[in-house]
Amino acid sequence: MKHWITLLVVFCSFIGAVGQILFKKGMDNFEFKFPFLNFILLIGLSCYCVALIGYLFALRFGQVSIIYPIIALSYVFVVLLAWKFLGEPITTKKMIGTIGIIACVWLITI
């Protein structure tokens, strides 16, 4: 598989993770009356849309059996971003799981 496809999917996984963090932040001020006026939620949704477009583009040129497992890196990015921006702790279990995800994705892509 071409390296630029792998990089695109990793980037899309990161953007999707950013979207998740923005969803969490946006829910702090969420009101059912005006959900579309929540700027943070809209940015999170935009991140998801960008990630989806990137995934679709990658699928056009790459193998789904390799691309789809790379998307699991979004779990790694969410753990790191939640620690950095939400103050969530990185426990031993999270660290072991994160290392396991990275190892499995690496094995699939080599």
PDB file of N, CA and C in Angstrom:
ATOM      1  N   MET A   1       0.843  -1.182   0.000  1.00  0.00           N
ATOM      2  CA  MET A   1       0.000   0.000   0.000  1.00  0.00           C
ATOM      3  C   MET A   1       0.882   1.238   0.000  1.00  0.00           C
ATOM      4  N   LYS A   2       0.438   2.253  -0.669  1.00  0.00           N
ATOM      5  CA  LYS A   2       1.208   3.490  -0.755  1.00  0.00           C
ATOM      6  C   LYS A   2       1.257   4.181   0.604  1.00  0.00           C
ATOM      7  N   HIS A   3       2.399   4.778   0.900  1.00  0.00           N
ATOM      8  CA  HIS A   3       2.594   5.413   2.205  1.00  0.00           C
ATOM      9  C   HIS A   3       1.677   6.609   2.405  1.00  0.00           C
ATOM     10  N   TRP A   4       1.359   7.332   1.333  1.00  0.00           N
ATOM     11  CA  TRP A   4       0.510   8.513   1.503  1.00  0.00           C
ATOM     12  C   TRP A   4      -0.898   8.121   1.928  1.00  0.00           C
ATOM     13  N   ILE A   5      -1.349   6.940   1.536  1.00  0.00           N
ATOM     14  CA  ILE A   5      -2.669   6.474   1.972  1.00  0.00           C
ATOM     15  C   ILE A   5      -2.645   6.199   3.469  1.00  0.00           C
ATOM     16  N   THR A   6      -1.595   5.548   3.937  1.00  0.00           N
ATOM     17  CA  THR A   6      -1.454   5.275   5.367  1.00  0.00           C
ATOM     18  C   THR A   6      -1.430   6.578   6.155  1.00  0.00           C
ATOM     19  N   LEU A   7      -0.657   7.542   5.694  1.00  0.00           N
ATOM     20  CA  LEU A   7      -0.583   8.838   6.377  1.00  0.00           C
ATOM     21  C   LEU A   7      -1.927   9.556   6.370  1.00  0.00           C
ATOM     22  N   LEU A   8      -2.654   9.460   5.270  1.00  0.00           N
ATOM     23  CA  LEU A   8      -3.972  10.076   5.192  1.00  0.00           C
ATOM     24  C   LEU A   8      -4.918   9.461   6.215  1.00  0.00           C
ATOM     25  N   VAL A   9      -4.905   8.150   6.338  1.00  0.00           N
ATOM     26  CA  VAL A   9      -5.799   7.481   7.284  1.00  0.00           C
ATOM     27  C   VAL A   9      -5.406   7.804   8.724  1.00  0.00           C
ATOM     28  N   VAL A  10      -4.120   7.881   9.014  1.00  0.00           N
ATOM     29  CA  VAL A  10      -3.669   8.276  10.355  1.00  0.00           C
ATOM     30  C   VAL A  10      -4.135   9.701  10.654  1.00  0.00           C
ATOM     31  N   PHE A  11      -3.993  10.592   9.676  1.00  0.00           N
ATOM     32  CA  PHE A  11      -4.449  11.974   9.843  1.00  0.00           C
ATOM     33  C   PHE A  11      -5.959  12.011  10.089  1.00  0.00           C
ATOM     34  N   CYS A  12      -6.716  11.250   9.316  1.00  0.00           N
ATOM     35  CA  CYS A  12      -8.166  11.212   9.488  1.00  0.00           C
ATOM     36  C   CYS A  12      -8.546  10.640  10.855  1.00  0.00           C
ATOM     37  N   SER A  13      -7.798   9.663  11.331  1.00  0.00           N
ATOM     38  CA  SER A  13      -8.039   9.118  12.670  1.00  0.00           C
ATOM     39  C   SER A  13      -7.822  10.186  13.728  1.00  0.00           C
ATOM     40  N   PHE A  14      -6.785  10.998  13.531  1.00  0.00           N
ATOM     41  CA  PHE A  14      -6.517  12.091  14.463  1.00  0.00           C
ATOM     42  C   PHE A  14      -7.637  13.132  14.421  1.00  0.00           C
ATOM     43  N   ILE A  15      -8.056  13.514  13.220  1.00  0.00           N
ATOM     44  CA  ILE A  15      -9.122  14.510  13.081  1.00  0.00           C
ATOM     45  C   ILE A  15     -10.422  13.986  13.695  1.00  0.00           C
ATOM     46  N   GLY A  16     -10.710  12.706  13.510  1.00  0.00           N
ATOM     47  CA  GLY A  16     -11.888  12.103  14.135  1.00  0.00           C
ATOM     48  C   GLY A  16     -11.807  12.140  15.650  1.00  0.00           C
ATOM     49  N   ALA A  17     -10.614  11.922  16.193  1.00  0.00           N
ATOM     50  CA  ALA A  17     -10.413  11.980  17.642  1.00  0.00           C
ATOM     51  C   ALA A  17     -10.597  13.406  18.153  1.00  0.00           C
ATOM     52  N   VAL A  18     -10.111  14.373  17.385  1.00  0.00           N
ATOM     53  CA  VAL A  18     -10.326  15.781  17.755  1.00  0.00           C
ATOM     54  C   VAL A  18     -11.828  16.063  17.798  1.00  0.00           C
ATOM     55  N   GLY A  19     -12.559  15.523  16.815  1.00  0.00           N
ATOM     56  CA  GLY A  19     -14.007  15.672  16.812  1.00  0.00           C
ATOM     57  C   GLY A  19     -14.644  15.120  18.076  1.00  0.00           C
ATOM     58  N   GLN A  20     -14.174  13.966  18.541  1.00  0.00           N
ATOM     59  CA  GLN A  20     -14.696  13.369  19.776  1.00  0.00           C
ATOM     60  C   GLN A  20     -14.469  14.278  20.980  1.00  0.00           C
ATOM     61  N   ILE A  21     -13.273  14.830  21.070  1.00  0.00           N
ATOM     62  CA  ILE A  21     -12.959  15.727  22.191  1.00  0.00           C
ATOM     63  C   ILE A  21     -13.833  16.973  22.128  1.00  0.00           C
ATOM     64  N   LEU A  22     -14.042  17.498  20.928  1.00  0.00           N
ATOM     65  CA  LEU A  22     -14.903  18.674  20.777  1.00  0.00           C
ATOM     66  C   LEU A  22     -16.354  18.346  21.111  1.00  0.00           C
ATOM     67  N   PHE A  23     -16.797  17.133  20.781  1.00  0.00           N
ATOM     68  CA  PHE A  23     -18.147  16.722  21.175  1.00  0.00           C
ATOM     69  C   PHE A  23     -18.284  16.738  22.698  1.00  0.00           C
ATOM     70  N   LYS A  24     -17.286  16.203  23.372  1.00  0.00           N
ATOM     71  CA  LYS A  24     -17.299  16.169  24.839  1.00  0.00           C
ATOM     72  C   LYS A  24     -17.318  17.585  25.408  1.00  0.00           C
ATOM     73  N   LYS A  25     -16.454  18.455  24.867  1.00  0.00           N
ATOM     74  CA  LYS A  25     -16.403  19.843  25.340  1.00  0.00           C
ATOM     75  C   LYS A  25     -17.716  20.568  25.028  1.00  0.00           C
ATOM     76  N   GLY A  26     -18.264  20.325  23.849  1.00  0.00           N
ATOM     77  CA  GLY A  26     -19.499  20.979  23.454  1.00  0.00           C
ATOM     78  C   GLY A  26     -20.692  20.567  24.287  1.00  0.00           C
ATOM     79  N   MET A  27     -20.668  19.367  24.812  1.00  0.00           N
ATOM     80  CA  MET A  27     -21.787  18.903  25.633  1.00  0.00           C
ATOM     81  C   MET A  27     -21.827  19.574  26.991  1.00  0.00           C
ATOM     82  N   ASP A  28     -20.742  20.238  27.382  1.00  0.00           N
ATOM     83  CA  ASP A  28     -20.745  20.979  28.651  1.00  0.00           C
ATOM     84  C   ASP A  28     -21.759  22.122  28.610  1.00  0.00           C
ATOM     85  N   ASN A  29     -21.992  22.698  27.426  1.00  0.00           N
ATOM     86  CA  ASN A  29     -22.908  23.830  27.277  1.00  0.00           C
ATOM     87  C   ASN A  29     -24.112  23.480  26.407  1.00  0.00           C
ATOM     88  N   PHE A  30     -24.431  22.214  26.298  1.00  0.00           N
ATOM     89  CA  PHE A  30     -25.476  21.773  25.378  1.00  0.00           C
ATOM     90  C   PHE A  30     -26.863  22.127  25.902  1.00  0.00           C
ATOM     91  N   GLU A  31     -27.698  22.649  25.004  1.00  0.00           N
ATOM     92  CA  GLU A  31     -29.109  22.890  25.294  1.00  0.00           C
ATOM     93  C   GLU A  31     -29.922  22.306  24.150  1.00  0.00           C
ATOM     94  N   PHE A  32     -30.975  21.580  24.489  1.00  0.00           N
ATOM     95  CA  PHE A  32     -31.792  20.960  23.451  1.00  0.00           C
ATOM     96  C   PHE A  32     -32.548  21.984  22.609  1.00  0.00           C
ATOM     97  N   LYS A  33     -32.754  23.176  23.139  1.00  0.00           N
ATOM     98  CA  LYS A  33     -33.474  24.203  22.385  1.00  0.00           C
ATOM     99  C   LYS A  33     -32.713  24.625  21.132  1.00  0.00           C
ATOM    100  N   PHE A  34     -31.414  24.824  21.268  1.00  0.00           N
ATOM    101  CA  PHE A  34     -30.605  25.350  20.171  1.00  0.00           C
ATOM    102  C   PHE A  34     -29.332  24.539  19.966  1.00  0.00           C
ATOM    103  N   PRO A  35     -29.443  23.248  19.643  1.00  0.00           N
ATOM    104  CA  PRO A  35     -28.217  22.440  19.515  1.00  0.00           C
ATOM    105  C   PRO A  35     -27.335  22.881  18.353  1.00  0.00           C
ATOM    106  N   PHE A  36     -27.924  23.513  17.326  1.00  0.00           N
ATOM    107  CA  PHE A  36     -27.122  23.902  16.175  1.00  0.00           C
ATOM    108  C   PHE A  36     -26.432  25.245  16.372  1.00  0.00           C
ATOM    109  N   LEU A  37     -26.656  25.874  17.519  1.00  0.00           N
ATOM    110  CA  LEU A  37     -25.948  27.109  17.833  1.00  0.00           C
ATOM    111  C   LEU A  37     -24.710  26.845  18.686  1.00  0.00           C
ATOM    112  N   ASN A  38     -24.467  25.584  18.991  1.00  0.00           N
ATOM    113  CA  ASN A  38     -23.300  25.215  19.788  1.00  0.00           C
ATOM    114  C   ASN A  38     -22.100  25.112  18.850  1.00  0.00           C
ATOM    115  N   PHE A  39     -21.281  26.143  18.852  1.00  0.00           N
ATOM    116  CA  PHE A  39     -20.150  26.263  17.929  1.00  0.00           C
ATOM    117  C   PHE A  39     -19.158  25.112  18.071  1.00  0.00           C
ATOM    118  N   ILE A  40     -18.898  24.703  19.300  1.00  0.00           N
ATOM    119  CA  ILE A  40     -17.928  23.626  19.531  1.00  0.00           C
ATOM    120  C   ILE A  40     -18.436  22.311  18.937  1.00  0.00           C
ATOM    121  N   LEU A  41     -19.735  22.027  19.108  1.00  0.00           N
ATOM    122  CA  LEU A  41     -20.295  20.813  18.511  1.00  0.00           C
ATOM    123  C   LEU A  41     -20.231  20.871  16.987  1.00  0.00           C
ATOM    124  N   LEU A  42     -20.463  22.038  16.421  1.00  0.00           N
ATOM    125  CA  LEU A  42     -20.399  22.187  14.964  1.00  0.00           C
ATOM    126  C   LEU A  42     -18.982  21.963  14.436  1.00  0.00           C
ATOM    127  N   ILE A  43     -17.991  22.432  15.165  1.00  0.00           N
ATOM    128  CA  ILE A  43     -16.599  22.195  14.754  1.00  0.00           C
ATOM    129  C   ILE A  43     -16.284  20.697  14.856  1.00  0.00           C
ATOM    130  N   GLY A  44     -16.756  20.051  15.918  1.00  0.00           N
ATOM    131  CA  GLY A  44     -16.566  18.610  16.060  1.00  0.00           C
ATOM    132  C   GLY A  44     -17.207  17.846  14.916  1.00  0.00           C
ATOM    133  N   LEU A  45     -18.403  18.239  14.531  1.00  0.00           N
ATOM    134  CA  LEU A  45     -19.077  17.609  13.406  1.00  0.00           C
ATOM    135  C   LEU A  45     -18.309  17.842  12.111  1.00  0.00           C
ATOM    136  N   SER A  46     -17.766  19.028  11.954  1.00  0.00           N
ATOM    137  CA  SER A  46     -16.950  19.336  10.773  1.00  0.00           C
ATOM    138  C   SER A  46     -15.708  18.454  10.719  1.00  0.00           C
ATOM    139  N   CYS A  47     -15.088  18.228  11.877  1.00  0.00           N
ATOM    140  CA  CYS A  47     -13.928  17.329  11.937  1.00  0.00           C
ATOM    141  C   CYS A  47     -14.320  15.934  11.468  1.00  0.00           C
ATOM    142  N   TYR A  48     -15.475  15.455  11.922  1.00  0.00           N
ATOM    143  CA  TYR A  48     -15.950  14.142  11.499  1.00  0.00           C
ATOM    144  C   TYR A  48     -16.160  14.084   9.998  1.00  0.00           C
ATOM    145  N   CYS A  49     -16.714  15.155   9.438  1.00  0.00           N
ATOM    146  CA  CYS A  49     -16.965  15.185   7.989  1.00  0.00           C
ATOM    147  C   CYS A  49     -15.655  15.165   7.208  1.00  0.00           C
ATOM    148  N   VAL A  50     -14.668  15.917   7.663  1.00  0.00           N
ATOM    149  CA  VAL A  50     -13.357  15.922   7.006  1.00  0.00           C
ATOM    150  C   VAL A  50     -12.736  14.523   7.088  1.00  0.00           C
ATOM    151  N   ALA A  51     -12.825  13.903   8.259  1.00  0.00           N
ATOM    152  CA  ALA A  51     -12.278  12.545   8.420  1.00  0.00           C
ATOM    153  C   ALA A  51     -12.984  11.569   7.493  1.00  0.00           C
ATOM    154  N   LEU A  52     -14.292  11.664   7.379  1.00  0.00           N
ATOM    155  CA  LEU A  52     -15.040  10.761   6.509  1.00  0.00           C
ATOM    156  C   LEU A  52     -14.624  10.919   5.054  1.00  0.00           C
ATOM    157  N   ILE A  53     -14.487  12.143   4.609  1.00  0.00           N
ATOM    158  CA  ILE A  53     -14.070  12.388   3.225  1.00  0.00           C
ATOM    159  C   ILE A  53     -12.675  11.807   2.985  1.00  0.00           C
ATOM    160  N   GLY A  54     -11.779  11.990   3.934  1.00  0.00           N
ATOM    161  CA  GLY A  54     -10.436  11.418   3.813  1.00  0.00           C
ATOM    162  C   GLY A  54     -10.458   9.903   3.765  1.00  0.00           C
ATOM    163  N   TYR A  55     -11.288   9.270   4.629  1.00  0.00           N
ATOM    164  CA  TYR A  55     -11.410   7.814   4.625  1.00  0.00           C
ATOM    165  C   TYR A  55     -11.913   7.313   3.277  1.00  0.00           C
ATOM    166  N   LEU A  56     -12.934   7.973   2.768  1.00  0.00           N
ATOM    167  CA  LEU A  56     -13.493   7.557   1.479  1.00  0.00           C
ATOM    168  C   LEU A  56     -12.448   7.672   0.364  1.00  0.00           C
ATOM    169  N   PHE A  57     -11.685   8.736   0.395  1.00  0.00           N
ATOM    170  CA  PHE A  57     -10.626   8.925  -0.593  1.00  0.00           C
ATOM    171  C   PHE A  57      -9.580   7.820  -0.457  1.00  0.00           C
ATOM    172  N   ALA A  58      -9.204   7.502   0.772  1.00  0.00           N
ATOM    173  CA  ALA A  58      -8.217   6.440   1.002  1.00  0.00           C
ATOM    174  C   ALA A  58      -8.741   5.094   0.525  1.00  0.00           C
ATOM    175  N   LEU A  59     -10.023   4.835   0.744  1.00  0.00           N
ATOM    176  CA  LEU A  59     -10.606   3.571   0.290  1.00  0.00           C
ATOM    177  C   LEU A  59     -10.595   3.442  -1.230  1.00  0.00           C
ATOM    178  N   ARG A  60     -10.635   4.562  -1.897  1.00  0.00           N
ATOM    179  CA  ARG A  60     -10.598   4.548  -3.368  1.00  0.00           C
ATOM    180  C   ARG A  60      -9.276   3.974  -3.868  1.00  0.00           C
ATOM    181  N   PHE A  61      -8.195   4.204  -3.128  1.00  0.00           N
ATOM    182  CA  PHE A  61      -6.857   3.833  -3.596  1.00  0.00           C
ATOM    183  C   PHE A  61      -6.179   2.748  -2.762  1.00  0.00           C
ATOM    184  N   GLY A  62      -6.747   2.396  -1.622  1.00  0.00           N
ATOM    185  CA  GLY A  62      -6.089   1.424  -0.745  1.00  0.00           C
ATOM    186  C   GLY A  62      -6.948   0.212  -0.466  1.00  0.00           C
ATOM    187  N   GLN A  63      -6.410  -0.671   0.335  1.00  0.00           N
ATOM    188  CA  GLN A  63      -7.083  -1.914   0.708  1.00  0.00           C
ATOM    189  C   GLN A  63      -7.828  -1.721   2.029  1.00  0.00           C
ATOM    190  N   VAL A  64      -9.097  -2.047   2.027  1.00  0.00           N
ATOM    191  CA  VAL A  64      -9.911  -1.871   3.225  1.00  0.00           C
ATOM    192  C   VAL A  64      -9.392  -2.728   4.385  1.00  0.00           C
ATOM    193  N   SER A  65      -8.795  -3.880   4.085  1.00  0.00           N
ATOM    194  CA  SER A  65      -8.277  -4.759   5.138  1.00  0.00           C
ATOM    195  C   SER A  65      -7.078  -4.143   5.860  1.00  0.00           C
ATOM    196  N   ILE A  66      -6.469  -3.137   5.280  1.00  0.00           N
ATOM    197  CA  ILE A  66      -5.370  -2.421   5.942  1.00  0.00           C
ATOM    198  C   ILE A  66      -5.860  -1.075   6.470  1.00  0.00           C
ATOM    199  N   ILE A  67      -6.666  -0.394   5.683  1.00  0.00           N
ATOM    200  CA  ILE A  67      -7.128   0.943   6.066  1.00  0.00           C
ATOM    201  C   ILE A  67      -7.995   0.895   7.327  1.00  0.00           C
ATOM    202  N   TYR A  68      -8.945  -0.018   7.371  1.00  0.00           N
ATOM    203  CA  TYR A  68      -9.876  -0.047   8.499  1.00  0.00           C
ATOM    204  C   TYR A  68      -9.175  -0.262   9.845  1.00  0.00           C
ATOM    205  N   PRO A  69      -8.239  -1.191   9.967  1.00  0.00           N
ATOM    206  CA  PRO A  69      -7.545  -1.326  11.249  1.00  0.00           C
ATOM    207  C   PRO A  69      -6.764  -0.073  11.661  1.00  0.00           C
ATOM    208  N   ILE A  70      -6.271   0.689  10.685  1.00  0.00           N
ATOM    209  CA  ILE A  70      -5.534   1.919  11.026  1.00  0.00           C
ATOM    210  C   ILE A  70      -6.447   2.914  11.721  1.00  0.00           C
ATOM    211  N   ILE A  71      -7.725   2.867  11.403  1.00  0.00           N
ATOM    212  CA  ILE A  71      -8.685   3.765  12.039  1.00  0.00           C
ATOM    213  C   ILE A  71      -8.691   3.563  13.555  1.00  0.00           C
ATOM    214  N   ALA A  72      -8.303   2.378  14.024  1.00  0.00           N
ATOM    215  CA  ALA A  72      -8.246   2.104  15.465  1.00  0.00           C
ATOM    216  C   ALA A  72      -7.285   3.045  16.183  1.00  0.00           C
ATOM    217  N   LEU A  73      -6.380   3.677  15.447  1.00  0.00           N
ATOM    218  CA  LEU A  73      -5.483   4.648  16.077  1.00  0.00           C
ATOM    219  C   LEU A  73      -6.251   5.826  16.667  1.00  0.00           C
ATOM    220  N   SER A  74      -7.487   6.027  16.235  1.00  0.00           N
ATOM    221  CA  SER A  74      -8.290   7.105  16.818  1.00  0.00           C
ATOM    222  C   SER A  74      -8.470   6.876  18.318  1.00  0.00           C
ATOM    223  N   TYR A  75      -8.513   5.618  18.757  1.00  0.00           N
ATOM    224  CA  TYR A  75      -8.607   5.326  20.192  1.00  0.00           C
ATOM    225  C   TYR A  75      -7.368   5.822  20.930  1.00  0.00           C
ATOM    226  N   VAL A  76      -6.224   5.646  20.313  1.00  0.00           N
ATOM    227  CA  VAL A  76      -4.970   6.123  20.896  1.00  0.00           C
ATOM    228  C   VAL A  76      -4.999   7.646  20.995  1.00  0.00           C
ATOM    229  N   PHE A  77      -5.397   8.289  19.913  1.00  0.00           N
ATOM    230  CA  PHE A  77      -5.450   9.753  19.903  1.00  0.00           C
ATOM    231  C   PHE A  77      -6.454  10.287  20.923  1.00  0.00           C
ATOM    232  N   VAL A  78      -7.588   9.614  21.078  1.00  0.00           N
ATOM    233  CA  VAL A  78      -8.589  10.066  22.052  1.00  0.00           C
ATOM    234  C   VAL A  78      -8.029   9.996  23.470  1.00  0.00           C
ATOM    235  N   VAL A  79      -7.331   8.919  23.798  1.00  0.00           N
ATOM    236  CA  VAL A  79      -6.735   8.802  25.136  1.00  0.00           C
ATOM    237  C   VAL A  79      -5.767   9.953  25.386  1.00  0.00           C
ATOM    238  N   LEU A  80      -4.908  10.228  24.406  1.00  0.00           N
ATOM    239  CA  LEU A  80      -3.919  11.297  24.576  1.00  0.00           C
ATOM    240  C   LEU A  80      -4.568  12.682  24.616  1.00  0.00           C
ATOM    241  N   LEU A  81      -5.524  12.933  23.743  1.00  0.00           N
ATOM    242  CA  LEU A  81      -6.193  14.236  23.716  1.00  0.00           C
ATOM    243  C   LEU A  81      -7.054  14.451  24.957  1.00  0.00           C
ATOM    244  N   ALA A  82      -7.709  13.396  25.443  1.00  0.00           N
ATOM    245  CA  ALA A  82      -8.509  13.506  26.658  1.00  0.00           C
ATOM    246  C   ALA A  82      -7.623  13.805  27.861  1.00  0.00           C
ATOM    247  N   TRP A  83      -6.451  13.228  27.888  1.00  0.00           N
ATOM    248  CA  TRP A  83      -5.490  13.512  28.958  1.00  0.00           C
ATOM    249  C   TRP A  83      -5.039  14.967  28.883  1.00  0.00           C
ATOM    250  N   LYS A  84      -4.704  15.421  27.688  1.00  0.00           N
ATOM    251  CA  LYS A  84      -4.155  16.772  27.507  1.00  0.00           C
ATOM    252  C   LYS A  84      -5.218  17.860  27.702  1.00  0.00           C
ATOM    253  N   PHE A  85      -6.405  17.688  27.121  1.00  0.00           N
ATOM    254  CA  PHE A  85      -7.376  18.779  27.093  1.00  0.00           C
ATOM    255  C   PHE A  85      -8.557  18.620  28.054  1.00  0.00           C
ATOM    256  N   LEU A  86      -8.787  17.405  28.535  1.00  0.00           N
ATOM    257  CA  LEU A  86      -9.894  17.183  29.462  1.00  0.00           C
ATOM    258  C   LEU A  86      -9.415  16.799  30.858  1.00  0.00           C
ATOM    259  N   GLY A  87      -8.113  16.589  30.999  1.00  0.00           N
ATOM    260  CA  GLY A  87      -7.564  16.237  32.304  1.00  0.00           C
ATOM    261  C   GLY A  87      -7.861  14.815  32.741  1.00  0.00           C
ATOM    262  N   GLU A  88      -8.222  13.952  31.803  1.00  0.00           N
ATOM    263  CA  GLU A  88      -8.491  12.555  32.148  1.00  0.00           C
ATOM    264  C   GLU A  88      -7.173  11.822  32.390  1.00  0.00           C
ATOM    265  N   PRO A  89      -7.130  10.966  33.410  1.00  0.00           N
ATOM    266  CA  PRO A  89      -5.883  10.258  33.711  1.00  0.00           C
ATOM    267  C   PRO A  89      -5.577   9.158  32.696  1.00  0.00           C
ATOM    268  N   ILE A  90      -4.302   8.908  32.490  1.00  0.00           N
ATOM    269  CA  ILE A  90      -3.875   7.754  31.695  1.00  0.00           C
ATOM    270  C   ILE A  90      -3.473   6.683  32.692  1.00  0.00           C
ATOM    271  N   THR A  91      -4.349   5.700  32.851  1.00  0.00           N
ATOM    272  CA  THR A  91      -4.102   4.625  33.800  1.00  0.00           C
ATOM    273  C   THR A  91      -3.210   3.562  33.170  1.00  0.00           C
ATOM    274  N   THR A  92      -2.782   2.625  33.985  1.00  0.00           N
ATOM    275  CA  THR A  92      -1.967   1.518  33.492  1.00  0.00           C
ATOM    276  C   THR A  92      -2.734   0.709  32.444  1.00  0.00           C
ATOM    277  N   LYS A  93      -4.001   0.463  32.691  1.00  0.00           N
ATOM    278  CA  LYS A  93      -4.821  -0.289  31.728  1.00  0.00           C
ATOM    279  C   LYS A  93      -4.935   0.461  30.399  1.00  0.00           C
ATOM    280  N   LYS A  94      -5.141   1.763  30.470  1.00  0.00           N
ATOM    281  CA  LYS A  94      -5.224   2.546  29.234  1.00  0.00           C
ATOM    282  C   LYS A  94      -3.898   2.507  28.482  1.00  0.00           C
ATOM    283  N   MET A  95      -2.792   2.586  29.217  1.00  0.00           N
ATOM    284  CA  MET A  95      -1.481   2.563  28.579  1.00  0.00           C
ATOM    285  C   MET A  95      -1.219   1.208  27.911  1.00  0.00           C
ATOM    286  N   ILE A  96      -1.554   0.125  28.588  1.00  0.00           N
ATOM    287  CA  ILE A  96      -1.364  -1.202  28.011  1.00  0.00           C
ATOM    288  C   ILE A  96      -2.239  -1.376  26.772  1.00  0.00           C
ATOM    289  N   GLY A  97      -3.491  -0.950  26.858  1.00  0.00           N
ATOM    290  CA  GLY A  97      -4.390  -1.038  25.718  1.00  0.00           C
ATOM    291  C   GLY A  97      -3.911  -0.200  24.545  1.00  0.00           C
ATOM    292  N   THR A  98      -3.415   0.997  24.838  1.00  0.00           N
ATOM    293  CA  THR A  98      -2.897   1.891  23.801  1.00  0.00           C
ATOM    294  C   THR A  98      -1.687   1.277  23.111  1.00  0.00           C
ATOM    295  N   ILE A  99      -0.781   0.723  23.875  1.00  0.00           N
ATOM    296  CA  ILE A  99       0.398   0.071  23.299  1.00  0.00           C
ATOM    297  C   ILE A  99      -0.030  -1.135  22.457  1.00  0.00           C
ATOM    298  N   GLY A 100      -1.027  -1.869  22.930  1.00  0.00           N
ATOM    299  CA  GLY A 100      -1.537  -3.011  22.169  1.00  0.00           C
ATOM    300  C   GLY A 100      -2.134  -2.590  20.832  1.00  0.00           C
ATOM    301  N   ILE A 101      -2.887  -1.507  20.818  1.00  0.00           N
ATOM    302  CA  ILE A 101      -3.479  -1.003  19.580  1.00  0.00           C
ATOM    303  C   ILE A 101      -2.376  -0.600  18.601  1.00  0.00           C
ATOM    304  N   ILE A 102      -1.410   0.138  19.096  1.00  0.00           N
ATOM    305  CA  ILE A 102      -0.294   0.592  18.232  1.00  0.00           C
ATOM    306  C   ILE A 102       0.438  -0.622  17.662  1.00  0.00           C
ATOM    307  N   ALA A 103       0.718  -1.619  18.496  1.00  0.00           N
ATOM    308  CA  ALA A 103       1.430  -2.808  18.029  1.00  0.00           C
ATOM    309  C   ALA A 103       0.632  -3.559  16.963  1.00  0.00           C
ATOM    310  N   CYS A 104      -0.661  -3.709  17.183  1.00  0.00           N
ATOM    311  CA  CYS A 104      -1.491  -4.428  16.214  1.00  0.00           C
ATOM    312  C   CYS A 104      -1.594  -3.678  14.889  1.00  0.00           C
ATOM    313  N   VAL A 105      -1.768  -2.370  14.935  1.00  0.00           N
ATOM    314  CA  VAL A 105      -1.833  -1.591  13.715  1.00  0.00           C
ATOM    315  C   VAL A 105      -0.502  -1.678  12.967  1.00  0.00           C
ATOM    316  N   TRP A 106       0.586  -1.627  13.701  1.00  0.00           N
ATOM    317  CA  TRP A 106       1.907  -1.729  13.070  1.00  0.00           C
ATOM    318  C   TRP A 106       2.053  -3.084  12.369  1.00  0.00           C
ATOM    319  N   LEU A 107       1.636  -4.163  13.048  1.00  0.00           N
ATOM    320  CA  LEU A 107       1.741  -5.503  12.455  1.00  0.00           C
ATOM    321  C   LEU A 107       0.920  -5.613  11.163  1.00  0.00           C
ATOM    322  N   ILE A 108      -0.248  -5.015  11.158  1.00  0.00           N
ATOM    323  CA  ILE A 108      -1.110  -5.094   9.976  1.00  0.00           C
ATOM    324  C   ILE A 108      -0.546  -4.302   8.814  1.00  0.00           C
ATOM    325  N   THR A 109       0.092  -3.184   9.103  1.00  0.00           N
ATOM    326  CA  THR A 109       0.545  -2.297   8.025  1.00  0.00           C
ATOM    327  C   THR A 109       1.917  -2.662   7.452  1.00  0.00           C
ATOM    328  N   ILE A 110       2.687  -3.491   8.158  1.00  0.00           N
ATOM    329  CA  ILE A 110       4.009  -3.819   7.606  1.00  0.00           C
ATOM    330  C   ILE A 110       3.922  -4.957   6.599  1.00  0.00           C
TER     331      ILE A 110
END
